[in-house]
C-alpha atoms as a PDB file:
ATOM      1  CA  MET A   1     -17.197  50.026  22.749  1.00  0.00           C
ATOM      2  CA  ASP A   2     -14.817  48.924  25.939  1.00  0.00           C
ATOM      3  CA  GLY A   3     -12.740  45.633  25.486  1.00  0.00           C
ATOM      4  CA  LYS A   4     -14.875  43.719  27.724  1.00  0.00           C
ATOM      5  CA  THR A   5     -17.901  43.746  25.543  1.00  0.00           C
ATOM      6  CA  LEU A   6     -15.451  42.957  21.724  1.00  0.00           C
ATOM      7  CA  ALA A   7     -14.318  40.554  23.913  1.00  0.00           C
ATOM      8  CA  ARG A   8     -17.376  38.214  25.090  1.00  0.00           C
ATOM      9  CA  ILE A   9     -18.605  38.971  21.240  1.00  0.00           C
ATOM     10  CA  GLY A  10     -15.373  37.826  19.833  1.00  0.00           C
ATOM     11  CA  ALA A  11     -16.521  34.967  21.986  1.00  0.00           C
ATOM     12  CA  VAL A  12     -20.331  34.629  21.496  1.00  0.00           C
ATOM     13  CA  ALA A  13     -18.907  34.402  16.870  1.00  0.00           C
ATOM     14  CA  PHE A  14     -16.144  31.548  17.803  1.00  0.00           C
ATOM     15  CA  VAL A  15     -19.058  29.319  20.365  1.00  0.00           C
ATOM     16  CA  ALA A  16     -21.987  30.001  16.958  1.00  0.00           C
ATOM     17  CA  VAL A  17     -18.867  28.971  14.441  1.00  0.00           C
ATOM     18  CA  ALA A  18     -17.566  26.073  16.042  1.00  0.00           C
ATOM     19  CA  ILE A  19     -20.755  24.897  16.229  1.00  0.00           C
ATOM     20  CA  THR A  20     -22.769  25.560  13.252  1.00  0.00           C
ATOM     21  CA  ALA A  21     -19.293  23.576  12.158  1.00  0.00           C
ATOM     22  CA  THR A  22     -20.364  21.055  14.618  1.00  0.00           C
ATOM     23  CA  VAL A  23     -23.013  20.516  13.266  1.00  0.00           C
ATOM     24  CA  ILE A  24     -22.643  20.545   9.484  1.00  0.00           C
ATOM     25  CA  GLU A  25     -20.027  17.198  10.409  1.00  0.00           C
ATOM     26  CA  LEU A  26     -23.118  14.974  11.952  1.00  0.00           C
ATOM     27  CA  THR A  27     -25.059  15.665  10.003  1.00  0.00           C
ATOM     28  CA  ARG A  28     -22.586  14.937   6.950  1.00  0.00           C
ATOM     29  CA  THR A  29     -23.983  10.702   5.257  1.00  0.00           C
ATOM     30  CA  ASP A  30     -20.742   9.170   5.021  1.00  0.00           C
ATOM     31  CA  GLU A  31     -19.408   8.180   2.256  1.00  0.00           C
ATOM     32  CA  VAL A  32     -17.956   4.859   2.112  1.00  0.00           C
ATOM     33  CA  THR A  33     -15.648   3.949  -0.650  1.00  0.00           C
ATOM     34  CA  GLN A  34     -15.337   0.102  -0.873  1.00  0.00           C
ATOM     35  CA  ILE A  35     -12.237  -2.248  -1.363  1.00  0.00           C
ATOM     36  CA  GLN A  36     -11.711  -3.843  -3.814  1.00  0.00           C
ATOM     37  CA  THR A  37      -9.738  -6.452  -2.865  1.00  0.00           C
ATOM     38  CA  VAL A  38      -8.098  -9.004  -6.444  1.00  0.00           C
ATOM     39  CA  SER A  39      -7.726 -12.022  -5.335  1.00  0.00           C
ATOM     40  CA  ARG A  40      -5.146 -14.618  -7.174  1.00  0.00           C
ATOM     41  CA  PRO A  41      -6.014 -17.916  -7.703  1.00  0.00           C
ATOM     42  CA  HIS A  42      -5.051 -20.332  -5.839  1.00  0.00           C
ATOM     43  CA  VAL A  43      -2.789 -22.941  -7.445  1.00  0.00           C
ATOM     44  CA  GLY A  44      -2.619 -26.294  -6.329  1.00  0.00           C
ATOM     45  CA  ASP A  45       0.669 -27.429  -7.680  1.00  0.00           C
ATOM     46  CA  PRO A  46       3.213 -23.756  -7.386  1.00  0.00           C
ATOM     47  CA  GLY A  47       5.613 -24.999  -8.921  1.00  0.00           C
ATOM     48  CA  PRO A  48       9.028 -26.218  -9.104  1.00  0.00           C
ATOM     49  CA  LEU A  49      10.721 -22.571  -9.605  1.00  0.00           C
ATOM     50  CA  ARG A  50       8.350 -20.689  -6.831  1.00  0.00           C
ATOM     51  CA  THR A  51       9.205 -23.439  -4.739  1.00  0.00           C
ATOM     52  CA  THR A  52      13.414 -22.207  -5.811  1.00  0.00           C
ATOM     53  CA  LEU A  53      12.435 -18.893  -5.840  1.00  0.00           C
ATOM     54  CA  ARG A  54      10.725 -19.921  -1.327  1.00  0.00           C
ATOM     55  CA  HIS A  55      14.009 -21.288  -0.717  1.00  0.00           C
ATOM     56  CA  CYS A  56      16.472 -18.689  -1.701  1.00  0.00           C
ATOM     57  CA  ARG A  57      14.171 -16.168  -0.079  1.00  0.00           C
ATOM     58  CA  ASP A  58      13.860 -18.139   3.395  1.00  0.00           C
ATOM     59  CA  ILE A  59      17.903 -18.823   3.261  1.00  0.00           C
ATOM     60  CA  GLY A  60      18.937 -15.215   3.007  1.00  0.00           C
ATOM     61  CA  GLU A  61      21.745 -13.895   2.632  1.00  0.00           C
ATOM     62  CA  ALA A  62      22.872 -17.251   1.342  1.00  0.00           C
ATOM     63  CA  ALA A  63      21.208 -18.031  -1.541  1.00  0.00           C
ATOM     64  CA  SER A  64      23.484 -14.361  -3.253  1.00  0.00           C
ATOM     65  CA  ARG A  65      26.201 -17.404  -3.387  1.00  0.00           C
ATOM     66  CA  ASP A  66      23.607 -20.267  -3.790  1.00  0.00           C
ATOM     67  CA  ALA A  67      23.946 -21.409  -7.678  1.00  0.00           C
ATOM     68  CA  SER A  68      20.790 -23.213  -7.722  1.00  0.00           C
ATOM     69  CA  CYS A  69      19.072 -18.796  -6.486  1.00  0.00           C
ATOM     70  CA  LEU A  70      21.146 -17.252  -8.767  1.00  0.00           C
ATOM     71  CA  LYS A  71      19.639 -19.747 -12.145  1.00  0.00           C
ATOM     72  CA  ALA A  72      16.422 -19.682 -10.362  1.00  0.00           C
ATOM     73  CA  TRP A  73      16.462 -15.931 -10.544  1.00  0.00           C
ATOM     74  CA  ALA A  74      17.753 -15.703 -13.920  1.00  0.00           C
ATOM     75  CA  GLU A  75      15.384 -16.781 -15.384  1.00  0.00           C
ATOM     76  CA  ASN A  76      12.489 -15.941 -13.226  1.00  0.00           C
ATOM     77  CA  ARG A  77      13.699 -12.500 -14.688  1.00  0.00           C
ATOM     78  CA  ASP A  78      13.382 -13.594 -18.503  1.00  0.00           C
ATOM     79  CA  ARG A  79       9.639 -14.481 -17.444  1.00  0.00           C
ATOM     80  CA  PHE A  80       9.151 -10.624 -17.406  1.00  0.00           C
ATOM     81  CA  LEU A  81      11.911  -8.799 -19.230  1.00  0.00           C
ATOM     82  CA  GLY A  82      12.267 -11.835 -21.730  1.00  0.00           C
ATOM     83  CA  PRO A  83      15.888 -12.810 -22.673  1.00  0.00           C
ATOM     84  CA  THR A  84      18.958 -10.236 -22.351  1.00  0.00           C
ATOM     85  CA  SER A  85      21.020  -9.144 -25.456  1.00  0.00           C
ATOM     86  CA  SER A  86      23.138 -11.327 -24.714  1.00  0.00           C
ATOM     87  CA  GLU A  87      21.201 -14.406 -25.280  1.00  0.00           C
ATOM     88  CA  ALA A  88      18.821 -13.400 -27.941  1.00  0.00           C
ATOM     89  CA  HIS A  89      21.848 -13.428 -30.606  1.00  0.00           C
END
């Protein structure tokens, strides 16, 4: 076999594999995974703590010097983590 014939056989084999892969991909059914979203219940009044936290978020860096923001962050932290060890005694 000379080089031209071998190159043609290789090209035909490559095209055959490409066509086979294309046919398999096109005939495959899509298994669409449905994403379930969890919606939070709508609460009418956000409450004073949430309102303060949103205010602190909105004022940016100045919130780190605002006493009401520091108090709100401490209260929010205690809601989730519980009181600190110095407060527990």
